[in-house]
N, C-alpha and C. Protein backbone atom coordinates (compact mmCIF):
# COMPACT_ATOMS: atom_id res chain seq x y z
N MET A 1 0.71 -0.86 -0.07
CA MET A 1 -0.01 -0.25 -0.21
C MET A 1 1.11 1.38 -0.59
N LYS A 2 0.69 2.32 -1.14
CA LYS A 2 1.71 3.04 -0.86
C LYS A 2 0.77 5.14 -0.15
N LYS A 3 1.79 5.00 0.59
CA LYS A 3 1.62 5.94 2.12
C LYS A 3 1.46 7.46 1.34
N ASN A 4 0.58 8.01 1.53
CA ASN A 4 0.17 9.77 1.02
C ASN A 4 1.56 10.32 1.57
N PRO A 5 1.62 10.74 0.94
CA PRO A 5 3.28 11.65 1.22
C PRO A 5 2.93 12.88 2.13
N GLY A 6 1.88 13.33 2.50
CA GLY A 6 1.71 14.70 3.28
C GLY A 6 1.63 15.80 2.07
N PRO A 7 1.43 17.00 3.09
CA PRO A 7 1.79 18.55 2.59
C PRO A 7 2.52 18.57 1.92
N SER A 8 2.87 19.57 0.33
CA SER A 8 3.70 20.34 0.13
C SER A 8 3.85 21.72 0.49
N SER A 9 2.81 22.51 0.85
CA SER A 9 2.61 23.51 1.09
C SER A 9 1.68 24.23 1.89
N ASP A 10 1.75 25.34 2.43
CA ASP A 10 0.82 25.63 3.64
C ASP A 10 -0.50 25.77 2.91
N LEU A 11 -1.42 25.99 2.03
CA LEU A 11 -2.37 25.33 1.49
C LEU A 11 -3.09 23.82 1.48
N GLU A 12 -2.05 23.33 1.58
CA GLU A 12 -2.31 21.72 1.22
C GLU A 12 -2.14 21.31 2.47
N ARG A 13 -2.23 22.35 4.01
CA ARG A 13 -2.58 21.73 5.07
C ARG A 13 -3.64 22.25 5.49
N ALA A 14 -4.54 23.03 5.07
CA ALA A 14 -5.82 23.32 5.13
C ALA A 14 -6.48 22.38 5.61
N PRO A 15 -6.09 21.05 5.55
CA PRO A 15 -7.46 19.97 6.41
C PRO A 15 -7.38 19.78 7.56
N TRP A 16 -5.98 20.05 7.73
CA TRP A 16 -5.73 20.69 9.56
C TRP A 16 -6.25 21.48 10.06
N LEU A 17 -6.89 22.33 9.13
CA LEU A 17 -6.94 24.33 9.63
C LEU A 17 -8.23 23.56 11.72
N PHE A 18 -8.86 22.70 11.35
CA PHE A 18 -9.68 22.10 13.08
C PHE A 18 -8.98 21.71 13.91
N SER A 19 -7.85 21.16 13.49
CA SER A 19 -7.37 20.31 14.26
C SER A 19 -5.52 20.72 14.30
N PRO A 20 -5.75 21.79 14.54
CA PRO A 20 -3.85 22.47 14.87
C PRO A 20 -2.99 21.11 15.21
N LYS A 21 -3.58 20.03 16.00
CA LYS A 21 -2.35 19.63 16.96
C LYS A 21 -2.37 18.63 15.94
N ASP A 22 -2.72 18.03 15.45
CA ASP A 22 -1.90 17.03 14.36
C ASP A 22 -1.52 17.39 12.49
N ALA A 23 -1.81 18.68 12.59
CA ALA A 23 -1.17 19.53 11.52
C ALA A 23 0.50 18.79 11.95
N PRO A 24 0.66 19.25 10.37
CA PRO A 24 2.35 18.59 9.73
C PRO A 24 2.89 20.54 10.28
N PRO A 25 3.67 19.91 10.10
CA PRO A 25 4.85 21.81 10.61
C PRO A 25 4.34 22.87 9.40
N PRO A 26 4.00 24.46 9.57
CA PRO A 26 3.96 25.19 8.44
C PRO A 26 5.34 25.50 7.88
N PHE A 27 5.07 25.22 6.34
CA PHE A 27 6.35 25.41 5.19
C PHE A 27 6.84 27.49 5.02
N LYS A 28 5.32 28.36 5.80
CA LYS A 28 5.48 29.32 5.55
C LYS A 28 6.24 30.06 4.33
N ASP A 29 5.31 29.50 3.07
CA ASP A 29 5.40 29.20 2.24
C ASP A 29 4.59 30.48 1.20
N LYS A 30 3.44 30.70 1.92
CA LYS A 30 2.25 32.22 1.67
C LYS A 30 1.03 31.71 0.67
N THR A 31 2.04 30.72 0.97
CA THR A 31 0.49 29.76 -0.34
C THR A 31 -1.05 29.78 0.61
N LEU A 32 -0.83 29.95 2.19
CA LEU A 32 -2.20 30.39 2.97
C LEU A 32 -1.56 31.18 3.85
N GLU A 33 -2.54 32.07 4.58
CA GLU A 33 -2.01 32.63 5.31
C GLU A 33 -3.54 33.02 6.53
N LEU A 34 -3.43 32.87 7.57
CA LEU A 34 -4.20 33.25 8.78
C LEU A 34 -4.40 34.61 9.18
N PHE A 35 -4.86 34.73 9.92
CA PHE A 35 -5.32 35.97 10.77
C PHE A 35 -6.56 35.99 11.28
N SER A 36 -6.17 37.26 12.08
CA SER A 36 -7.26 37.24 13.85
C SER A 36 -7.69 38.74 13.46
N ALA A 37 -8.93 38.60 13.82
CA ALA A 37 -9.74 39.98 13.94
C ALA A 37 -11.03 39.88 14.65
N ILE A 38 -11.53 40.93 15.38
CA ILE A 38 -12.48 41.19 16.05
C ILE A 38 -13.88 41.81 15.14
N GLY A 39 -14.36 40.67 15.27
CA GLY A 39 -15.74 41.08 14.05
C GLY A 39 -16.07 41.28 12.56
N PRO A 40 -16.85 41.20 12.31
CA PRO A 40 -16.52 41.07 10.58
C PRO A 40 -16.06 42.42 10.11
N THR A 41 -16.19 42.79 10.51
CA THR A 41 -15.80 44.44 10.19
C THR A 41 -14.23 44.82 9.66
N ASN A 42 -13.79 43.57 10.87
CA ASN A 42 -12.19 44.09 11.45
C ASN A 42 -11.86 43.30 9.93
N GLU A 43 -12.14 41.73 9.92
CA GLU A 43 -11.97 40.54 9.32
C GLU A 43 -12.44 41.60 7.64
N CYS A 44 -13.48 41.83 7.19
CA CYS A 44 -13.07 42.34 6.16
C CYS A 44 -11.96 43.84 5.95
N ARG A 45 -12.29 44.52 6.56
CA ARG A 45 -11.22 45.62 7.06
C ARG A 45 -9.30 45.28 6.23
N GLU A 46 -9.66 44.14 7.08
CA GLU A 46 -8.36 43.26 7.22
C GLU A 46 -7.54 43.15 5.74
N ILE A 47 -8.42 41.85 5.46
CA ILE A 47 -8.90 41.38 4.56
C ILE A 47 -8.75 43.16 2.43
N LEU A 48 -9.26 43.29 2.57
CA LEU A 48 -8.64 44.34 1.86
C LEU A 48 -7.04 45.11 1.95
N ARG A 49 -7.55 45.20 3.52
CA ARG A 49 -5.88 46.09 4.02
C ARG A 49 -4.57 45.23 3.16
N ARG A 50 -4.56 44.04 3.10
CA ARG A 50 -3.85 42.46 2.76
C ARG A 50 -3.82 43.65 1.07
N ILE A 51 -4.88 43.05 0.41
CA ILE A 51 -5.40 43.33 -0.71
C ILE A 51 -4.49 44.36 -1.39
N ILE A 52 -4.76 45.56 -0.54
CA ILE A 52 -4.30 46.97 -1.60
C ILE A 52 -2.78 46.98 -1.52
N SER A 53 -2.56 46.41 0.30
CA SER A 53 -0.93 47.09 0.34
C SER A 53 -0.12 45.61 -0.39
N GLU A 54 -0.81 44.24 -0.69
CA GLU A 54 0.49 43.14 -1.06
C GLU A 54 0.13 43.75 -3.15
N ASN A 55 -0.85 44.65 -2.85
CA ASN A 55 -0.66 45.31 -4.37
C ASN A 55 -1.51 44.30 -4.90
N LEU A 56 -2.39 43.43 -5.06
CA LEU A 56 -2.34 42.28 -5.52
C LEU A 56 -4.19 42.54 -7.08
N PRO A 57 -4.06 41.22 -7.64
CA PRO A 57 -5.01 41.93 -9.28
C PRO A 57 -6.50 41.13 -8.31
N LEU A 58 -7.12 42.16 -8.72
CA LEU A 58 -8.19 41.68 -7.76
C LEU A 58 -8.75 40.42 -8.83
N ASP A 59 -8.73 40.53 -10.01
CA ASP A 59 -9.14 38.91 -10.52
C ASP A 59 -8.27 37.30 -10.07
N ASN A 60 -7.38 38.16 -9.34
CA ASN A 60 -6.08 36.94 -8.10
C ASN A 60 -6.73 36.59 -7.37
N VAL A 61 -8.13 37.43 -6.81
CA VAL A 61 -8.43 37.13 -5.26
C VAL A 61 -9.85 36.75 -5.09
N GLU A 62 -10.29 36.11 -4.25
CA GLU A 62 -11.75 35.56 -4.06
C GLU A 62 -11.94 35.18 -2.74
N ILE A 63 -12.71 35.32 -2.42
CA ILE A 63 -13.48 35.47 -0.67
C ILE A 63 -14.44 34.93 -0.70
N ILE A 64 -14.23 33.62 -0.05
CA ILE A 64 -15.43 33.13 0.39
C ILE A 64 -15.48 33.59 2.31
N HIS A 65 -16.80 33.23 2.11
CA HIS A 65 -17.21 33.70 3.69
C HIS A 65 -18.68 33.08 3.98
N PRO A 66 -18.63 33.31 5.39
CA PRO A 66 -20.23 33.01 5.59
C PRO A 66 -21.64 33.38 4.52
N SER A 67 -22.14 32.39 4.54
CA SER A 67 -23.64 32.33 3.95
C SER A 67 -24.04 33.81 4.81
N GLY A 68 -25.12 34.58 4.30
CA GLY A 68 -25.76 36.07 4.67
C GLY A 68 -25.22 36.84 4.11
N ASP A 69 -26.02 38.38 4.37
CA ASP A 69 -25.40 39.94 3.70
C ASP A 69 -24.92 40.30 4.45
N THR A 70 -24.23 39.70 6.05
CA THR A 70 -23.78 40.26 6.75
C THR A 70 -21.87 41.08 5.35
N TYR A 71 -21.60 39.46 5.38
CA TYR A 71 -19.94 40.16 4.80
C TYR A 71 -20.24 40.89 2.89
N PRO A 72 -20.76 39.88 2.22
CA PRO A 72 -21.30 41.27 0.92
C PRO A 72 -21.48 42.75 1.13
N SER A 73 -22.31 43.05 2.13
CA SER A 73 -22.69 44.08 2.55
C SER A 73 -21.01 45.06 3.25
N LEU A 74 -20.81 44.26 3.69
CA LEU A 74 -19.66 44.67 4.56
C LEU A 74 -18.96 45.52 3.15
N PHE A 75 -18.51 44.26 2.94
CA PHE A 75 -17.28 44.40 1.85
C PHE A 75 -18.04 45.60 0.50
N TYR A 76 -19.16 45.90 0.82
CA TYR A 76 -19.59 46.29 -0.73
C TYR A 76 -19.27 48.10 -0.22
N VAL A 77 -19.76 48.36 1.26
CA VAL A 77 -19.12 49.55 1.89
C VAL A 77 -18.21 50.08 1.69
N LEU A 78 -16.64 48.95 2.21
CA LEU A 78 -16.25 49.48 2.31
C LEU A 78 -14.84 49.07 0.97
N SER A 79 -15.45 48.67 0.17
CA SER A 79 -14.10 48.55 -0.81
C SER A 79 -15.04 49.99 -1.85
N SER A 80 -16.31 50.29 -1.77
CA SER A 80 -16.70 51.78 -2.51
C SER A 80 -15.32 52.99 -1.87
N LYS A 81 -15.70 53.02 -0.13
CA LYS A 81 -14.18 54.28 -0.01
C LYS A 81 -13.27 53.87 0.05
N THR A 82 -12.78 52.16 -0.31
CA THR A 82 -11.30 52.45 -1.65
C THR A 82 -11.28 52.08 -3.07
N ASP A 83 -12.68 52.77 -3.27
CA ASP A 83 -12.61 52.30 -4.97
C ASP A 83 -12.23 51.13 -5.92
N LEU A 84 -12.15 50.25 -4.64
CA LEU A 84 -11.51 48.78 -5.00
C LEU A 84 -13.23 48.60 -5.67
N LYS A 85 -12.92 48.10 -7.49
CA LYS A 85 -14.25 47.40 -8.07
C LYS A 85 -14.45 45.75 -8.00
N VAL A 86 -15.19 45.48 -7.01
CA VAL A 86 -15.54 44.14 -6.51
C VAL A 86 -16.96 43.80 -7.47
N THR A 87 -17.13 42.23 -6.89
CA THR A 87 -17.97 42.18 -7.85
C THR A 87 -18.35 40.65 -6.64
N TYR A 88 -19.46 40.50 -7.12
CA TYR A 88 -20.30 39.40 -6.33
C TYR A 88 -20.91 38.62 -6.83
N ALA A 89 -20.75 37.23 -6.47
CA ALA A 89 -21.29 35.61 -6.65
C ALA A 89 -22.78 36.27 -6.88
N GLU A 90 -23.04 36.60 -5.15
CA GLU A 90 -24.67 36.57 -5.67
C GLU A 90 -25.29 37.82 -5.36
N GLY A 91 -24.25 39.17 -6.42
CA GLY A 91 -25.38 40.16 -6.19
C GLY A 91 -24.98 40.99 -4.72
N ILE A 92 -25.54 42.41 -5.29
CA ILE A 92 -25.41 43.58 -3.82
C ILE A 92 -26.74 43.70 -3.62
N ALA A 93 -26.98 44.05 -2.35
CA ALA A 93 -28.44 43.94 -1.78
C ALA A 93 -28.95 45.17 -2.77
N LEU A 94 -30.28 45.79 -2.89
CA LEU A 94 -30.72 46.13 -3.53
C LEU A 94 -31.10 47.37 -2.99
N GLY A 95 -30.67 48.04 -1.68
CA GLY A 95 -30.88 48.87 -1.25
C GLY A 95 -29.32 49.63 -1.35
N PHE A 96 -28.37 49.18 -1.47
CA PHE A 96 -27.21 49.79 -1.97
C PHE A 96 -27.40 50.17 -3.10
N THR A 97 -28.35 49.92 -4.02
CA THR A 97 -28.52 50.81 -5.58
C THR A 97 -29.40 51.77 -5.25
N SER A 98 -28.56 52.69 -6.51
CA SER A 98 -29.49 54.08 -5.77
C SER A 98 -30.92 54.16 -6.21
N ALA A 99 -31.30 53.46 -6.87
CA ALA A 99 -32.84 52.49 -7.52
C ALA A 99 -33.15 52.12 -5.94
N GLY A 100 -32.68 51.48 -5.28
CA GLY A 100 -33.18 50.36 -3.99
C GLY A 100 -33.63 51.73 -3.13
N LYS A 101 -32.35 52.53 -3.04
CA LYS A 101 -32.33 53.54 -1.99
C LYS A 101 -33.98 54.67 -2.40
N VAL A 102 -33.90 54.46 -3.63
CA VAL A 102 -35.42 56.05 -3.88
C VAL A 102 -36.66 55.23 -2.82
N PHE A 103 -37.00 53.39 -3.95
CA PHE A 103 -37.91 52.96 -3.70
C PHE A 103 -37.74 52.55 -2.43
N ASN A 104 -36.88 52.67 -0.98
CA ASN A 104 -36.93 52.24 0.14
C ASN A 104 -37.08 54.10 0.99
N GLY A 105 -36.75 54.63 0.36
CA GLY A 105 -36.79 56.18 1.02
C GLY A 105 -38.09 56.66 0.40
N LEU A 106 -38.72 56.31 -0.35
CA LEU A 106 -40.12 56.66 -0.71
C LEU A 106 -41.40 55.95 -0.14
N THR A 107 -41.10 54.59 0.84
CA THR A 107 -42.24 53.73 1.25
C THR A 107 -42.17 53.67 2.23
N ASP A 108 -40.68 54.48 3.02
CA ASP A 108 -40.26 54.97 4.49
C ASP A 108 -41.76 56.96 4.15
N TRP A 109 -41.43 57.44 3.71
CA TRP A 109 -41.92 58.29 3.18
C TRP A 109 -43.52 58.59 3.05
N MET A 110 -43.98 57.20 2.39
CA MET A 110 -45.73 57.39 2.21
C MET A 110 -46.50 56.38 3.55
N GLU A 111 -44.59 55.84 3.91
CA GLU A 111 -45.59 55.13 5.52
C GLU A 111 -46.12 56.00 6.34
N ASP A 112 -44.42 56.73 6.63
CA ASP A 112 -44.71 57.83 7.58
C ASP A 112 -45.40 58.79 7.07
N ASN A 113 -47.14 58.78 6.60
CA ASN A 113 -47.43 60.01 6.44
C ASN A 113 -47.26 61.36 5.68
N PHE A 114 -46.15 61.11 4.50
CA PHE A 114 -45.84 62.09 3.91
C PHE A 114 -44.72 63.18 4.12
N LEU A 115 -43.90 62.65 5.24
CA LEU A 115 -43.28 63.49 6.20
C LEU A 115 -42.03 63.57 5.49
N VAL A 116 -42.24 65.44 5.81
CA VAL A 116 -41.41 65.87 4.21
C VAL A 116 -39.32 65.85 4.34
N SER A 117 -39.16 65.88 6.14
CA SER A 117 -37.67 64.90 6.58
C SER A 117 -37.46 64.11 5.57
N HIS A 118 -38.11 62.85 5.37
CA HIS A 118 -37.45 61.71 4.08
C HIS A 118 -37.22 61.97 2.68
N LEU A 119 -38.29 63.10 2.17
CA LEU A 119 -37.86 63.11 1.16
C LEU A 119 -37.17 63.79 0.69
N CYS A 120 -36.82 65.73 1.83
CA CYS A 120 -35.82 65.98 2.17
C CYS A 120 -33.86 65.04 1.86
N ARG A 121 -34.04 64.12 2.39
CA ARG A 121 -32.81 62.86 2.74
C ARG A 121 -32.38 62.73 1.12
N LEU A 122 -33.88 61.93 0.57
CA LEU A 122 -33.86 61.66 -0.04
C LEU A 122 -32.92 62.32 -1.41
N ILE A 123 -34.02 63.57 -1.36
CA ILE A 123 -33.16 64.30 -2.36
C ILE A 123 -31.88 64.94 -2.14
N GLU A 124 -31.35 65.23 -1.20
CA GLU A 124 -30.07 65.44 -0.70
C GLU A 124 -29.11 64.73 -0.85
N GLY A 125 -29.61 63.11 -0.55
CA GLY A 125 -28.20 62.41 -0.68
C GLY A 125 -28.28 61.99 -2.69
N GLY A 126 -29.24 62.45 -3.06
CA GLY A 126 -28.70 62.87 -4.75
C GLY A 126 -29.17 61.57 -5.30
N ASN A 127 -29.90 60.49 -4.27
CA ASN A 127 -30.62 59.14 -5.53
C ASN A 127 -32.12 59.90 -6.07
N LEU A 128 -33.10 60.89 -5.79
CA LEU A 128 -34.23 61.47 -6.33
C LEU A 128 -34.12 62.58 -7.09
N LYS A 129 -33.83 62.72 -8.69
CA LYS A 129 -33.24 63.69 -9.06
C LYS A 129 -34.73 63.98 -9.68
N PHE A 130 -34.69 65.99 -10.41
CA PHE A 130 -35.68 66.38 -11.22
C PHE A 130 -35.01 66.88 -12.55
N SER A 131 -35.46 67.59 -13.19
CA SER A 131 -35.35 67.59 -13.82
C SER A 131 -35.97 69.08 -14.68
N GLY A 132 -35.67 70.07 -15.28
CA GLY A 132 -36.28 71.14 -15.11
C GLY A 132 -36.53 71.32 -16.93
N GLU A 133 -37.36 72.30 -17.22
CA GLU A 133 -37.76 72.42 -18.58
C GLU A 133 -36.68 73.31 -19.75
N LYS A 134 -36.82 73.43 -20.34
CA LYS A 134 -35.90 73.79 -21.58
C LYS A 134 -35.74 75.73 -20.65
N GLY A 135 -34.25 75.82 -20.96
CA GLY A 135 -34.42 77.55 -20.63
C GLY A 135 -34.36 77.50 -18.59
N ASN A 136 -34.65 76.24 -18.05
CA ASN A 136 -34.60 76.76 -16.64
C ASN A 136 -33.31 76.29 -15.69
N ASP A 137 -32.93 76.30 -15.08
CA ASP A 137 -32.32 75.32 -14.90
C ASP A 137 -33.10 75.11 -13.32
N VAL A 138 -32.70 74.08 -12.39
CA VAL A 138 -33.39 73.24 -11.90
C VAL A 138 -32.38 73.32 -10.40
N PRO A 139 -32.87 73.87 -9.16
CA PRO A 139 -32.15 74.08 -8.08
C PRO A 139 -31.01 73.01 -7.91
N SER A 140 -30.06 73.77 -6.85
CA SER A 140 -29.27 71.90 -6.38
C SER A 140 -30.65 71.25 -5.40
N PRO A 141 -30.33 70.18 -5.01
CA PRO A 141 -30.92 69.24 -4.07
C PRO A 141 -31.11 69.60 -2.88
N LEU A 142 -29.88 70.81 -2.67
CA LEU A 142 -29.46 71.30 -1.10
C LEU A 142 -31.00 72.23 -1.11
N LYS A 143 -30.89 73.40 -2.31
CA LYS A 143 -31.90 74.44 -2.06
C LYS A 143 -33.56 73.79 -2.28
N ILE A 144 -33.61 72.92 -2.51
CA ILE A 144 -34.90 71.79 -3.35
C ILE A 144 -35.39 71.74 -1.76
N SER A 145 -34.04 71.11 -1.09
CA SER A 145 -34.74 70.70 0.35
C SER A 145 -34.83 71.72 1.39
N ARG A 146 -34.50 72.50 0.81
CA ARG A 146 -34.20 73.98 2.12
C ARG A 146 -36.10 74.40 1.41
N TYR A 147 -36.13 74.49 0.30
CA TYR A 147 -37.63 74.79 -0.08
C TYR A 147 -38.06 74.04 0.85
N LEU A 148 -38.42 72.85 0.60
CA LEU A 148 -39.55 72.01 1.31
C LEU A 148 -39.26 72.45 2.57
N LYS A 149 -38.33 72.68 3.06
CA LYS A 149 -38.19 72.62 4.95
C LYS A 149 -38.67 74.03 5.64
N ASN A 150 -38.53 74.64 4.20
CA ASN A 150 -38.89 76.27 5.22
C ASN A 150 -40.62 76.72 4.43
N ALA A 151 -40.61 75.68 4.12
CA ALA A 151 -42.51 75.37 3.21
C ALA A 151 -43.68 75.39 4.81
N MET A 152 -42.66 75.14 5.90
CA MET A 152 -43.22 74.08 6.87
C MET A 152 -44.37 73.15 6.35
N ILE A 153 -43.77 72.44 5.57
CA ILE A 153 -45.12 71.22 5.23
C ILE A 153 -45.12 69.91 6.27
N GLY A 154 -44.22 69.63 6.96
CA GLY A 154 -44.49 68.73 8.08
C GLY A 154 -44.29 67.60 7.17
N TRP A 155 -46.22 67.10 7.31
CA TRP A 155 -46.29 66.08 6.76
C TRP A 155 -47.86 66.33 6.47
N ASP A 156 -47.96 64.71 5.80
CA ASP A 156 -49.36 64.59 5.10
C ASP A 156 -48.74 65.76 3.85
N ARG A 157 -49.70 64.40 2.65
CA ARG A 157 -49.23 64.94 1.31
C ARG A 157 -50.96 65.87 1.08
N ASN A 158 -51.59 66.00 1.67
CA ASN A 158 -52.24 67.44 1.03
C ASN A 158 -51.62 68.68 1.21
N ARG A 159 -50.76 69.02 2.00
CA ARG A 159 -50.59 70.14 2.70
C ARG A 159 -49.09 70.21 1.70
N TYR A 160 -48.88 69.60 0.73
CA TYR A 160 -47.71 70.10 -0.05
C TYR A 160 -47.78 71.32 -0.74
N ILE A 161 -48.78 70.67 -1.76
CA ILE A 161 -49.15 72.15 -3.19
C ILE A 161 -49.72 73.56 -2.34
N PRO A 162 -50.51 73.52 -1.18
CA PRO A 162 -50.34 74.54 -0.82
C PRO A 162 -49.52 75.82 0.61
N ARG A 163 -48.56 74.95 0.60
CA ARG A 163 -47.64 75.54 1.25
C ARG A 163 -46.85 75.79 0.23
N LEU A 164 -46.69 75.41 -0.99
CA LEU A 164 -45.37 75.62 -1.78
C LEU A 164 -46.41 75.88 -2.27
N LYS A 165 -47.43 76.94 -2.83
CA LYS A 165 -48.08 77.85 -3.49
C LYS A 165 -47.65 79.05 -2.36
N THR A 166 -48.17 78.52 -1.53
CA THR A 166 -47.85 79.73 -0.22
C THR A 166 -46.43 80.55 -0.62
N VAL A 167 -45.48 79.99 -0.54
CA VAL A 167 -43.92 80.00 -0.34
C VAL A 167 -44.01 81.10 -1.76
N LYS A 168 -44.39 80.05 -3.11
CA LYS A 168 -43.91 80.57 -3.90
C LYS A 168 -44.32 82.27 -4.73
N CYS A 169 -45.93 82.59 -4.29
CA CYS A 169 -46.25 83.32 -4.15
C CYS A 169 -45.88 84.65 -3.53
N SER A 170 -45.24 84.37 -2.12
CA SER A 170 -44.80 84.99 -1.53
C SER A 170 -43.21 85.42 -2.54
N LEU A 171 -42.90 84.51 -2.27
CA LEU A 171 -40.82 84.89 -3.19
C LEU A 171 -41.87 85.28 -4.85
N GLU A 172 -42.79 85.33 -5.21
CA GLU A 172 -43.16 86.00 -6.34
C GLU A 172 -43.61 87.26 -5.91
N SER A 173 -43.94 87.99 -5.16
CA SER A 173 -44.81 89.23 -4.36
C SER A 173 -43.61 90.42 -4.07
N VAL A 174 -41.87 89.22 -3.44
CA VAL A 174 -40.79 89.98 -3.33
C VAL A 174 -40.44 90.67 -4.46
N CYS A 175 -40.08 89.16 -5.69
CA CYS A 175 -39.15 89.40 -6.31
C CYS A 175 -40.13 91.01 -7.40
N TYR A 176 -41.25 90.90 -7.51
CA TYR A 176 -42.68 92.32 -7.95
C TYR A 176 -42.15 93.18 -7.63
N PHE A 177 -41.99 93.30 -6.38
CA PHE A 177 -41.61 94.70 -5.73
C PHE A 177 -40.13 95.17 -5.97
N THR A 178 -39.46 94.36 -5.70
CA THR A 178 -37.79 94.96 -5.37
C THR A 178 -36.91 94.39 -7.07
N GLY A 179 -37.75 93.65 -8.34
CA GLY A 179 -37.55 93.36 -9.27
C GLY A 179 -36.21 93.27 -9.38
N ARG A 180 -35.74 92.36 -8.10
CA ARG A 180 -34.40 91.52 -8.02
C ARG A 180 -35.25 90.12 -7.65
N PRO A 181 -33.69 89.36 -7.38
CA PRO A 181 -33.96 88.25 -6.77
C PRO A 181 -34.48 88.04 -5.23
N ALA A 182 -35.37 87.08 -5.19
CA ALA A 182 -35.90 87.28 -3.91
C ALA A 182 -34.46 86.63 -2.71
N VAL A 183 -34.77 86.87 -1.50
CA VAL A 183 -34.18 86.14 -0.33
C VAL A 183 -34.37 85.17 0.50
N PHE A 184 -34.16 84.31 -0.15
CA PHE A 184 -34.73 83.51 0.79
C PHE A 184 -33.88 82.06 1.32
N CYS A 185 -33.79 81.97 2.20
CA CYS A 185 -32.90 80.66 2.83
C CYS A 185 -31.70 81.28 3.09
N ASN A 186 -31.47 82.94 3.32
CA ASN A 186 -30.66 83.77 3.27
C ASN A 186 -29.79 83.46 2.09
N ALA A 187 -29.87 83.27 1.00
CA ALA A 187 -29.67 83.25 -0.60
C ALA A 187 -30.18 84.18 -0.84
N GLN A 188 -29.25 83.97 -2.47
CA GLN A 188 -30.03 84.99 -3.46
C GLN A 188 -30.21 83.61 -4.30
N VAL A 189 -32.21 84.04 -4.55
CA VAL A 189 -32.48 82.10 -5.32
C VAL A 189 -33.33 83.09 -6.26
N PRO A 190 -32.87 82.87 -7.51
CA PRO A 190 -33.75 83.64 -8.30
C PRO A 190 -35.39 82.27 -8.94
N ILE A 191 -36.09 83.26 -9.01
CA ILE A 191 -37.51 82.85 -9.07
C ILE A 191 -37.79 81.91 -9.97
N HIS A 192 -36.88 81.84 -11.47
CA HIS A 192 -37.23 80.88 -11.93
C HIS A 192 -37.37 79.84 -11.62
N GLN A 193 -36.08 80.05 -10.59
CA GLN A 193 -35.30 77.92 -10.11
C GLN A 193 -36.72 77.69 -8.83
N PHE A 194 -37.44 78.44 -8.45
CA PHE A 194 -38.53 78.40 -7.92
C PHE A 194 -39.30 78.07 -8.25
N LYS A 195 -39.52 78.31 -10.11
CA LYS A 195 -41.33 78.16 -10.35
C LYS A 195 -40.78 76.45 -11.09
N SER A 196 -40.06 76.10 -11.36
CA SER A 196 -38.92 74.66 -11.37
C SER A 196 -39.64 73.69 -10.46
N LEU A 197 -39.99 73.82 -9.33
CA LEU A 197 -40.35 72.77 -8.07
C LEU A 197 -42.27 72.39 -8.08
N HIS A 198 -42.91 73.17 -9.28
CA HIS A 198 -44.28 73.15 -9.23
C HIS A 198 -44.78 71.94 -10.33
């Protein structure tokens, strides 16, 4: 009977991972490296740190993790911050995509009786965008959010149009009497920008 020659690299020592006392001595050939970290976030950070510090091509890296959304979600957030282009076998959670953020945000907005702060958060985050008519610029997301907040809508979808009309009328009055852009939210805001909101 032929005797098994045993492992010839650290990678081939992997079967002894859960019985280290019985494992053959390490080769220290860098075919397999083990480390420990406290919690999934630190594990993911260390993996990405090693990939970046060793300048490894991402096509040569495969990360195997326990099932569930924890690790893909963490890798998505961390790789976004480091500008690493990462792919996922199972894809990413819908909530990380712009469309998913809009869907979740609008659902929260409706469930909370059209609370204006939910809508402002979507607009400020750049996920919900507005387009203007030809020749009219659309205000920045922060300006739109300020218009909504200063209209004192609060909640309830039936309050949006009347409150925005009130603010629009007061801005038009200021523009009419002064002939200059309305002073609104401590900033110069031309009235044509506000008109694009209705």
